[in-house]
Amino acid sequence: MSLSSALDPVRRALSGALLLPGDDDFETARQPWNLAVAQHPAAVASPADVADLRVLVQAARDSGATLAVQPSGHGASGDLAGSVLVRMAAFDALDVDLDAGILTVGSGVRWGAVLAALEGTGWAAPSGTSPVVSVAGYTLGGGHSWFSRTAGLGSDNLRAAWVLRADGAHGRVDDDSDPELMWALRGAGGIVGIVTALEIDLVRAPAVWGAGLTFDVADAVAVIRAVRDLAADAPPTLNVFANSMRMPDAPQLPEEIRGRSFLTVQALSADGAAEELIDRVRRAGSVRREVSGPTSPAVLAAASPEPTEPTPGRGRSMALTALDDSAIAALMDFRERPEQWPIIGIDIRMLGGALDAPRRSGFASLEFVGWLLHALAPVIPGAPSEPGDASLDVFRDLLAPSEAARTVTTFLGPGQTLDRCGTEAEISRLRAVRDEVDPDAVLHEGRLPR
């Protein structure tokens, strides 16, 4: 009997939906957020409640399938042959305790809904830069945000989780009741249980202030050096990103950016204006455009350049121990070489602050990692992929001498595994937790090294 035939009777047992190949909407339902990643599950399930999840767990055990939970489609890493892809949209509860500064949220909720609920409260969420990413996928994968220097990784702020185990037991888990499971949930993704809800610390942010400075490409080396030097003195309340953009000479782009290169530095302070510190960056070059003043996480999210609909994408992330003068000069020289045109943007994020002193034990860590970089080479339908792939390889090789020993799961690319995020001993520890809670391997192994 085929796997599809074995799963077909499950439809009648579910309050939610189960789509099989050939069904209407199956092709759309199986797609990840990054449409350049191919994943071909045996079925796509949309459970309505925990009872449905229990049905799916038993069906997977009976049929030999595995369950791969992917709330919003972000973070897909490759093929899911023999797996049931589980979407969690029905788990949409959202509760904010402003007195305690705690968010309780279902695993189908996306950050945009949380940011809207927090607007004007004096609290911020340890959310990512995109409002369409799910809270669960981001948090369970580590998650770096605008507030990470202030509050640590998203996973550092995970207080507790409601988890359905492979044996069907469902309940709240925290560091007192199961510290090993919580350690694994903080950064390794959903490979040790199906998370139905999360309890997360909010970030006190009574006076959020932001600044955006745009410089000509000729000033890029000096400005990035100024950002690098600022890291030594910046308080944990100040978070800084720099972005090097090289726009194609495409007729659909506005004239002011078409075919041009520029560098933008963005700063976010959780406790009011940081003009004196940002002025050190401002003086490093000629500011072409500046915006500064009070802002909010919701405003930042609304202005995010990240796609709001599934789209093909391609990029490469690097975590660096340091960003010295030679690396900065080489990176900016690389940016302007004609043959490196496929890379449109390189994002540079300042780390440190609270990231160097995690409040809770977890697999994910950027402790004593200096910088997080991401290069973007868009996928253009019909265009050959080789130039973009070659440029991303050069980007990787250029920065390899300064690469840190670890990064976080949310910055892994397709096909990359958790051995890039933890030591051999930590991977062994993950396997031990998984063997304890899921001895029959009902849950998909995710990014565990095979």
Protein backbone atom coordinates (compact mmCIF):
# COMPACT_ATOMS: atom_id res chain seq x y z
CA MET A 1 0.00 0.00 0.00
CA SER A 2 1.33 3.46 -0.88
CA LEU A 3 1.82 6.06 1.81
CA SER A 4 -0.94 8.22 0.28
CA SER A 5 -3.34 5.28 0.46
CA ALA A 6 -2.38 4.62 4.06
CA LEU A 7 -3.00 8.25 4.99
CA ASP A 8 -6.27 8.68 3.09
CA PRO A 9 -8.49 7.31 5.93
CA VAL A 10 -6.97 9.89 8.30
CA ARG A 11 -9.03 12.62 6.64
CA ARG A 12 -12.22 11.29 8.24
CA ALA A 13 -10.69 11.32 11.69
CA LEU A 14 -9.58 14.96 11.52
CA SER A 15 -11.58 18.08 12.32
CA GLY A 16 -9.02 19.95 10.25
CA ALA A 17 -7.79 19.16 6.75
CA LEU A 18 -5.41 16.69 5.14
CA LEU A 19 -4.31 17.23 1.54
CA LEU A 20 -2.74 14.49 -0.56
CA PRO A 21 -0.97 14.72 -3.94
CA GLY A 22 -3.57 15.31 -6.63
CA ASP A 23 -5.94 17.18 -4.32
CA ASP A 24 -6.93 20.73 -5.13
CA ASP A 25 -4.60 23.20 -3.42
CA PHE A 26 -2.00 20.52 -2.54
CA GLU A 27 0.68 22.08 -4.73
CA THR A 28 0.20 25.47 -3.10
CA ALA A 29 -0.03 24.03 0.42
CA ARG A 30 3.24 22.09 0.17
CA GLN A 31 5.32 25.09 -0.87
CA PRO A 32 7.74 26.68 1.59
CA TRP A 33 8.15 30.43 1.96
CA ASN A 34 11.31 30.31 -0.16
CA LEU A 35 9.97 28.96 -3.44
CA ALA A 36 13.51 28.11 -4.56
CA VAL A 37 13.50 25.22 -2.06
CA ALA A 38 11.91 22.01 -3.32
CA GLN A 39 9.96 20.01 -0.76
CA HIS A 40 7.66 17.13 -1.69
CA PRO A 41 5.81 15.82 1.37
CA ALA A 42 3.49 12.83 1.26
CA ALA A 43 0.66 15.00 2.63
CA VAL A 44 -0.07 18.42 4.12
CA ALA A 45 -2.10 18.55 7.34
CA SER A 46 -3.84 21.53 8.91
CA PRO A 47 -4.90 20.25 12.36
CA ALA A 48 -7.69 22.06 14.14
CA ASP A 49 -6.63 21.19 17.68
CA VAL A 50 -4.50 18.94 19.88
CA ALA A 51 -6.87 16.02 19.25
CA ASP A 52 -6.07 16.29 15.54
CA LEU A 53 -2.36 16.34 16.32
CA ARG A 54 -2.73 13.12 18.30
CA VAL A 55 -4.48 11.53 15.31
CA LEU A 56 -1.58 12.61 13.09
CA VAL A 57 1.02 11.23 15.50
CA GLN A 58 -0.70 7.85 15.56
CA ALA A 59 -1.18 7.85 11.78
CA ALA A 60 2.49 8.61 11.25
CA ARG A 61 3.50 5.81 13.58
CA ASP A 62 1.16 3.35 11.84
CA SER A 63 2.18 4.33 8.30
CA GLY A 64 5.90 4.85 8.82
CA ALA A 65 5.66 8.55 7.91
CA THR A 66 7.27 11.34 9.90
CA LEU A 67 5.68 14.64 10.94
CA ALA A 68 7.42 17.86 9.91
CA VAL A 69 5.96 20.96 11.56
CA GLN A 70 6.41 24.14 9.50
CA PRO A 71 4.04 26.87 10.77
CA SER A 72 4.59 29.55 8.11
CA GLY A 73 6.90 27.83 5.62
CA HIS A 74 10.03 29.72 6.71
CA GLY A 75 13.24 27.83 7.32
CA ALA A 76 12.58 25.02 4.86
CA SER A 77 15.76 23.08 4.18
CA GLY A 78 14.91 20.53 1.51
CA ASP A 79 12.88 17.52 0.49
CA LEU A 80 10.26 16.01 2.82
CA ALA A 81 9.71 12.68 1.06
CA GLY A 82 7.80 10.33 3.33
CA SER A 83 6.70 13.13 5.66
CA VAL A 84 3.42 14.77 6.54
CA LEU A 85 3.92 18.54 6.50
CA VAL A 86 2.00 20.08 9.41
CA ARG A 87 0.71 23.65 9.27
CA MET A 88 -0.32 25.21 12.59
CA ALA A 89 -2.51 28.15 11.55
CA ALA A 90 -5.42 27.04 13.76
CA PHE A 91 -3.28 27.47 16.89
CA ASP A 92 -3.83 31.21 16.92
CA ALA A 93 -4.35 32.17 20.57
CA LEU A 94 -2.60 35.37 21.66
CA ASP A 95 -2.52 36.75 25.20
CA VAL A 96 -0.41 39.60 26.55
CA ASP A 97 0.13 40.09 30.28
CA LEU A 98 1.36 43.69 30.45
CA ASP A 99 1.80 43.62 34.23
CA ALA A 100 4.16 40.64 34.07
CA GLY A 101 5.66 41.41 30.64
CA ILE A 102 4.79 37.94 29.30
CA LEU A 103 3.42 36.90 25.92
CA THR A 104 1.54 33.62 25.53
CA VAL A 105 1.02 32.75 21.90
CA GLY A 106 -0.11 29.82 19.78
CA SER A 107 2.37 28.33 17.35
CA GLY A 108 0.37 29.50 14.32
CA VAL A 109 0.65 33.20 15.20
CA ARG A 110 2.94 35.47 13.20
CA TRP A 111 4.93 38.34 14.63
CA GLY A 112 2.84 41.01 12.91
CA ALA A 113 -0.16 40.18 15.12
CA VAL A 114 2.01 40.39 18.24
CA LEU A 115 3.53 43.74 17.26
CA ALA A 116 0.07 45.17 16.63
CA ALA A 117 -1.09 44.01 20.06
CA LEU A 118 1.93 45.62 21.76
CA GLU A 119 1.83 48.97 19.95
CA GLY A 120 1.85 51.82 22.45
CA THR A 121 2.24 49.60 25.54
CA GLY A 122 5.90 50.32 26.35
CA TRP A 123 6.74 46.67 25.72
CA ALA A 124 8.40 45.10 22.67
CA ALA A 125 8.65 41.53 21.54
CA PRO A 126 11.98 39.80 20.84
CA SER A 127 10.74 39.42 17.27
CA GLY A 128 12.46 39.15 13.93
CA THR A 129 12.66 41.85 11.30
CA SER A 130 9.76 40.43 9.27
CA PRO A 131 6.14 40.55 10.52
CA VAL A 132 5.12 37.47 8.48
CA VAL A 133 7.46 34.98 10.20
CA SER A 134 5.81 32.72 12.77
CA VAL A 135 6.61 33.28 16.44
CA ALA A 136 7.20 29.55 16.97
CA GLY A 137 9.51 28.92 14.02
CA TYR A 138 11.59 31.99 14.84
CA THR A 139 11.85 31.36 18.58
CA LEU A 140 12.53 27.63 18.36
CA GLY A 141 15.26 28.31 15.80
CA GLY A 142 17.15 30.84 17.93
CA GLY A 143 16.02 34.03 16.23
CA HIS A 144 18.04 37.26 15.97
CA SER A 145 16.09 40.50 16.20
CA TRP A 146 16.26 44.27 16.46
CA PHE A 147 16.36 43.77 20.25
CA SER A 148 18.91 40.96 20.48
CA ARG A 149 21.70 43.12 21.95
CA THR A 150 19.12 44.24 24.53
CA ALA A 151 17.31 40.98 25.30
CA GLY A 152 19.28 38.16 23.69
CA LEU A 153 18.14 35.70 21.06
CA GLY A 154 14.47 34.94 20.64
CA SER A 155 15.10 31.53 22.19
CA ASP A 156 16.70 33.13 25.27
CA ASN A 157 13.29 34.67 25.99
CA LEU A 158 11.38 31.38 25.85
CA ARG A 159 10.03 30.81 29.35
CA ALA A 160 7.89 27.75 28.69
CA ALA A 161 6.18 25.78 25.93
CA TRP A 162 3.13 23.58 25.54
CA VAL A 163 4.41 20.45 23.86
CA LEU A 164 2.74 17.39 22.40
CA ARG A 165 5.16 14.51 22.80
CA ALA A 166 5.39 11.56 20.47
CA ASP A 167 3.56 9.40 23.03
CA GLY A 168 0.51 11.69 22.84
CA ALA A 169 1.06 13.48 26.16
CA HIS A 170 0.44 17.22 25.98
CA GLY A 171 1.28 19.85 28.58
CA ARG A 172 3.29 22.83 29.71
CA VAL A 173 7.06 22.39 30.01
CA ASP A 174 9.54 24.77 31.64
CA ASP A 175 13.04 24.66 33.10
CA ASP A 176 11.79 23.21 36.37
CA SER A 177 9.76 20.37 34.85
CA ASP A 178 12.09 19.34 31.99
CA PRO A 179 15.29 21.36 31.64
CA GLU A 180 16.76 19.11 28.93
CA LEU A 181 13.72 19.45 26.69
CA MET A 182 13.72 23.22 27.18
CA TRP A 183 17.44 23.35 26.32
CA ALA A 184 16.70 21.57 23.04
CA LEU A 185 13.63 23.70 22.25
CA ARG A 186 15.76 26.84 22.57
CA GLY A 187 17.32 26.77 19.14
CA ALA A 188 17.13 23.27 17.64
CA GLY A 189 13.69 23.68 16.08
CA GLY A 190 10.76 21.33 16.51
CA ILE A 191 12.66 18.04 16.46
CA VAL A 192 11.85 17.06 20.06
CA GLY A 193 8.11 17.68 20.20
CA ILE A 194 5.21 19.46 18.55
CA VAL A 195 4.98 22.89 20.17
CA THR A 196 1.40 24.16 20.29
CA ALA A 197 2.02 27.38 22.29
CA LEU A 198 4.86 29.39 23.77
CA GLU A 199 5.34 31.62 26.79
CA ILE A 200 7.82 34.40 26.04
CA ASP A 201 9.38 37.28 27.96
CA LEU A 202 8.67 40.70 26.51
CA VAL A 203 11.27 43.47 26.35
CA ARG A 204 10.81 46.67 28.33
CA ALA A 205 11.06 49.46 25.73
CA PRO A 206 9.45 52.65 27.03
CA ALA A 207 11.14 55.01 24.56
CA VAL A 208 12.08 53.34 21.28
CA TRP A 209 14.19 55.60 19.07
CA GLY A 210 15.54 54.89 15.63
CA ALA A 211 17.89 56.40 13.09
CA GLY A 212 18.59 55.62 9.45
CA LEU A 213 21.62 57.14 7.70
CA THR A 214 22.28 56.62 4.00
CA PHE A 215 25.79 57.14 2.61
CA ASP A 216 27.31 57.06 -0.84
CA VAL A 217 29.24 53.88 -1.64
CA ALA A 218 32.50 55.88 -1.68
CA ASP A 219 32.17 56.28 2.10
CA ALA A 220 31.28 52.63 2.78
CA VAL A 221 34.65 51.46 4.12
CA ALA A 222 34.98 54.40 6.53
CA VAL A 223 31.38 54.12 7.71
CA ILE A 224 31.52 50.37 8.35
CA ARG A 225 34.75 50.89 10.28
CA ALA A 226 32.94 53.49 12.40
CA VAL A 227 30.12 51.01 13.05
CA ARG A 228 32.71 48.39 13.97
CA ASP A 229 34.44 50.76 16.39
CA LEU A 230 31.10 51.74 17.91
CA ALA A 231 30.54 48.13 18.99
CA ALA A 232 33.16 48.50 21.72
CA ASP A 233 31.19 51.28 23.48
CA ALA A 234 27.58 50.70 22.46
CA PRO A 235 25.33 49.89 25.43
CA PRO A 236 23.12 46.79 25.21
CA THR A 237 20.13 49.05 24.62
CA LEU A 238 21.57 50.10 21.23
CA ASN A 239 21.19 47.78 18.24
CA VAL A 240 22.87 48.58 14.90
CA PHE A 241 22.55 47.11 11.40
CA ALA A 242 24.40 48.20 8.26
CA ASN A 243 23.26 47.32 4.76
CA SER A 244 25.28 47.59 1.56
CA MET A 245 22.99 47.79 -1.49
CA ARG A 246 23.94 47.54 -5.14
CA MET A 247 20.87 48.01 -7.27
CA PRO A 248 20.64 46.63 -10.81
CA ASP A 249 20.22 48.96 -13.78
CA ALA A 250 16.62 47.82 -14.22
CA PRO A 251 13.99 50.09 -15.81
CA GLN A 252 11.34 49.19 -13.22
CA LEU A 253 13.41 50.75 -10.40
CA PRO A 254 13.08 54.42 -9.39
CA GLU A 255 15.66 56.67 -11.04
CA GLU A 256 17.23 57.70 -7.70
CA ILE A 257 18.38 54.14 -6.94
CA ARG A 258 18.55 52.51 -10.39
CA GLY A 259 22.04 51.17 -11.08
CA ARG A 260 23.44 52.78 -7.91
CA SER A 261 25.27 51.58 -4.81
CA PHE A 262 24.85 52.96 -1.31
CA LEU A 263 25.23 52.04 2.34
CA THR A 264 22.54 52.45 5.00
CA VAL A 265 23.14 52.31 8.74
CA GLN A 266 20.11 51.70 10.94
CA ALA A 267 20.13 52.05 14.71
CA LEU A 268 17.48 51.22 17.27
CA SER A 269 17.66 52.28 20.89
CA ALA A 270 15.32 50.80 23.48
CA ASP A 271 15.66 53.71 25.91
CA GLY A 272 15.58 56.94 23.96
CA ALA A 273 17.79 58.88 21.59
CA ALA A 274 21.41 57.82 21.14
CA GLU A 275 22.48 60.85 19.10
CA GLU A 276 25.98 61.13 20.56
CA LEU A 277 26.86 57.55 19.70
CA ILE A 278 25.29 57.66 16.24
CA ASP A 279 27.09 60.92 15.51
CA ARG A 280 30.34 58.94 15.48
CA VAL A 281 28.99 57.04 12.49
CA ARG A 282 27.46 60.15 10.94
CA ARG A 283 30.86 61.89 10.88
CA ALA A 284 32.50 59.00 9.01
CA GLY A 285 31.02 60.02 5.65
CA SER A 286 28.68 62.35 3.83
CA VAL A 287 25.09 61.58 4.81
CA ARG A 288 22.88 61.62 1.73
CA ARG A 289 19.65 61.01 3.62
CA GLU A 290 18.76 60.81 7.29
CA VAL A 291 15.65 59.87 9.22
CA SER A 292 15.63 59.75 13.02
CA GLY A 293 13.23 60.05 15.90
CA PRO A 294 10.78 58.05 18.02
CA THR A 295 9.61 54.84 16.40
CA SER A 296 8.14 51.46 17.28
CA PRO A 297 8.65 47.79 16.40
CA ALA A 298 5.39 47.86 14.43
CA VAL A 299 6.63 50.79 12.34
CA LEU A 300 9.94 49.02 11.72
CA ALA A 301 8.16 45.84 10.69
CA ALA A 302 5.89 47.72 8.30
CA ALA A 303 8.98 49.19 6.61
CA SER A 304 10.79 45.85 6.35
CA PRO A 305 12.05 45.18 2.81
CA GLU A 306 11.61 41.43 3.28
CA PRO A 307 8.94 39.81 1.06
CA THR A 308 5.42 39.52 2.43
CA GLU A 309 4.45 36.68 0.08
CA PRO A 310 6.26 33.42 -0.74
CA THR A 311 8.96 34.08 -3.31
CA PRO A 312 12.13 32.40 -4.57
CA GLY A 313 15.26 33.56 -2.79
CA ARG A 314 18.91 32.74 -2.42
CA GLY A 315 21.50 33.91 0.06
CA ARG A 316 24.39 33.06 2.32
CA SER A 317 24.87 33.89 6.00
CA MET A 318 28.13 34.13 7.91
CA ALA A 319 28.72 34.61 11.64
CA LEU A 320 32.06 36.32 12.27
CA THR A 321 34.27 36.59 15.33
CA ALA A 322 35.64 39.94 14.18
CA LEU A 323 35.39 42.51 11.42
CA ASP A 324 38.87 43.95 10.97
CA ASP A 325 40.02 46.66 8.56
CA SER A 326 41.27 44.21 5.95
CA ALA A 327 38.00 42.26 5.94
CA ILE A 328 35.97 45.46 5.57
CA ALA A 329 38.13 46.70 2.70
CA ALA A 330 38.00 43.32 0.95
CA LEU A 331 34.24 43.09 1.39
CA MET A 332 33.58 46.52 -0.09
CA ASP A 333 36.02 45.90 -2.96
CA PHE A 334 34.14 42.67 -3.65
CA ARG A 335 30.84 44.61 -3.67
CA GLU A 336 31.92 46.81 -6.57
CA ARG A 337 33.45 44.20 -8.87
CA PRO A 338 31.38 43.97 -12.06
CA GLU A 339 31.23 40.18 -11.93
CA GLN A 340 29.62 40.24 -8.48
CA TRP A 341 26.47 41.96 -9.74
CA PRO A 342 24.14 39.09 -8.65
CA ILE A 343 24.47 40.05 -4.96
CA ILE A 344 22.13 42.96 -4.41
CA GLY A 345 22.44 43.37 -0.63
CA ILE A 346 24.79 42.50 2.21
CA ASP A 347 23.34 42.92 5.70
CA ILE A 348 25.76 43.40 8.63
CA ARG A 349 24.40 43.05 12.18
CA MET A 350 26.24 44.11 15.32
CA LEU A 351 26.15 41.43 18.02
CA GLY A 352 27.37 41.50 21.64
CA GLY A 353 25.45 43.02 24.52
CA ALA A 354 22.94 40.58 26.01
CA LEU A 355 23.98 37.95 23.45
CA ASP A 356 27.23 37.50 25.38
CA ALA A 357 25.37 36.68 28.62
CA PRO A 358 22.41 34.36 27.82
CA ARG A 359 19.81 34.30 30.60
CA ARG A 360 18.72 30.73 29.96
CA SER A 361 20.34 27.51 28.87
CA GLY A 362 19.69 26.65 25.24
CA PHE A 363 21.20 25.04 22.18
CA ALA A 364 21.20 28.33 20.25
CA SER A 365 23.94 30.78 21.09
CA LEU A 366 25.79 33.74 19.58
CA GLU A 367 27.87 34.20 22.72
CA PHE A 368 31.14 36.00 21.89
CA VAL A 369 30.31 36.11 18.17
CA GLY A 370 30.92 39.61 16.86
CA TRP A 371 28.91 40.00 13.68
CA LEU A 372 26.19 38.34 11.65
CA LEU A 373 26.24 38.90 7.87
CA HIS A 374 23.83 37.87 5.12
CA ALA A 375 24.29 38.26 1.37
CA LEU A 376 21.22 38.27 -0.87
CA ALA A 377 21.30 37.19 -4.53
CA PRO A 378 17.72 37.22 -5.81
CA VAL A 379 16.39 34.40 -7.95
CA ILE A 380 15.19 35.77 -11.29
CA PRO A 381 12.82 33.43 -13.15
CA GLY A 382 14.38 32.26 -16.39
CA ALA A 383 17.85 33.56 -15.52
CA PRO A 384 20.75 31.14 -14.97
CA SER A 385 21.59 30.42 -11.34
CA GLU A 386 25.33 29.93 -11.80
CA PRO A 387 26.42 33.60 -11.52
CA GLY A 388 24.55 34.08 -8.26
CA ASP A 389 25.84 30.83 -6.79
CA ALA A 390 29.40 31.76 -7.78
CA SER A 391 29.11 35.20 -6.15
CA LEU A 392 27.81 33.69 -2.92
CA ASP A 393 30.69 31.23 -2.89
CA VAL A 394 33.19 34.09 -3.24
CA PHE A 395 31.42 35.94 -0.40
CA ARG A 396 31.80 32.86 1.80
CA ASP A 397 35.45 32.31 0.91
CA LEU A 398 36.27 35.98 1.44
CA LEU A 399 35.01 35.93 5.04
CA ALA A 400 36.02 32.36 5.93
CA PRO A 401 39.16 33.40 7.90
CA SER A 402 36.96 35.29 10.38
CA GLU A 403 34.06 32.83 10.51
CA ALA A 404 32.82 31.99 13.99
CA ALA A 405 32.46 28.42 15.18
CA ARG A 406 28.68 28.66 15.34
CA THR A 407 25.61 30.49 14.06
CA VAL A 408 21.88 30.09 14.78
CA THR A 409 19.35 27.84 13.06
CA THR A 410 17.29 30.69 11.64
CA PHE A 411 20.34 31.78 9.62
CA LEU A 412 21.06 28.38 8.09
CA GLY A 413 20.56 27.98 4.37
CA PRO A 414 18.88 25.08 2.52
CA GLY A 415 20.70 21.84 3.16
CA GLN A 416 22.80 23.18 6.06
CA THR A 417 22.59 21.24 9.32
CA LEU A 418 22.79 21.89 13.04
CA ASP A 419 26.47 21.00 13.25
CA ARG A 420 27.06 24.61 12.12
CA CYS A 421 25.23 25.78 15.26
CA GLY A 422 26.69 23.60 18.00
CA THR A 423 29.60 21.45 19.06
CA GLU A 424 29.81 17.71 18.54
CA ALA A 425 28.94 17.25 22.21
CA GLU A 426 25.87 19.47 21.86
CA ILE A 427 24.68 17.55 18.80
CA SER A 428 25.05 14.33 20.79
CA ARG A 429 23.05 15.92 23.61
CA LEU A 430 20.31 16.85 21.14
CA ARG A 431 20.16 13.29 19.87
CA ALA A 432 19.86 12.01 23.44
CA VAL A 433 16.90 14.34 24.15
CA ARG A 434 15.23 13.30 20.92
CA ASP A 435 15.75 9.60 21.63
CA GLU A 436 14.19 10.08 25.05
CA VAL A 437 11.04 11.90 23.92
CA ASP A 438 10.62 10.34 20.47
CA PRO A 439 12.20 6.86 20.50
CA ASP A 440 10.27 5.80 17.38
CA ALA A 441 11.36 8.88 15.38
CA VAL A 442 7.80 9.93 14.59
CA LEU A 443 8.95 13.55 14.24
CA HIS A 444 11.06 14.59 11.27
CA GLU A 445 14.72 14.95 12.23
CA GLY A 446 14.86 18.44 10.79
CA ARG A 447 18.38 19.77 10.44
CA LEU A 448 20.10 17.15 12.56
CA PRO A 449 23.18 15.93 10.72
CA ARG A 450 22.43 12.60 9.04
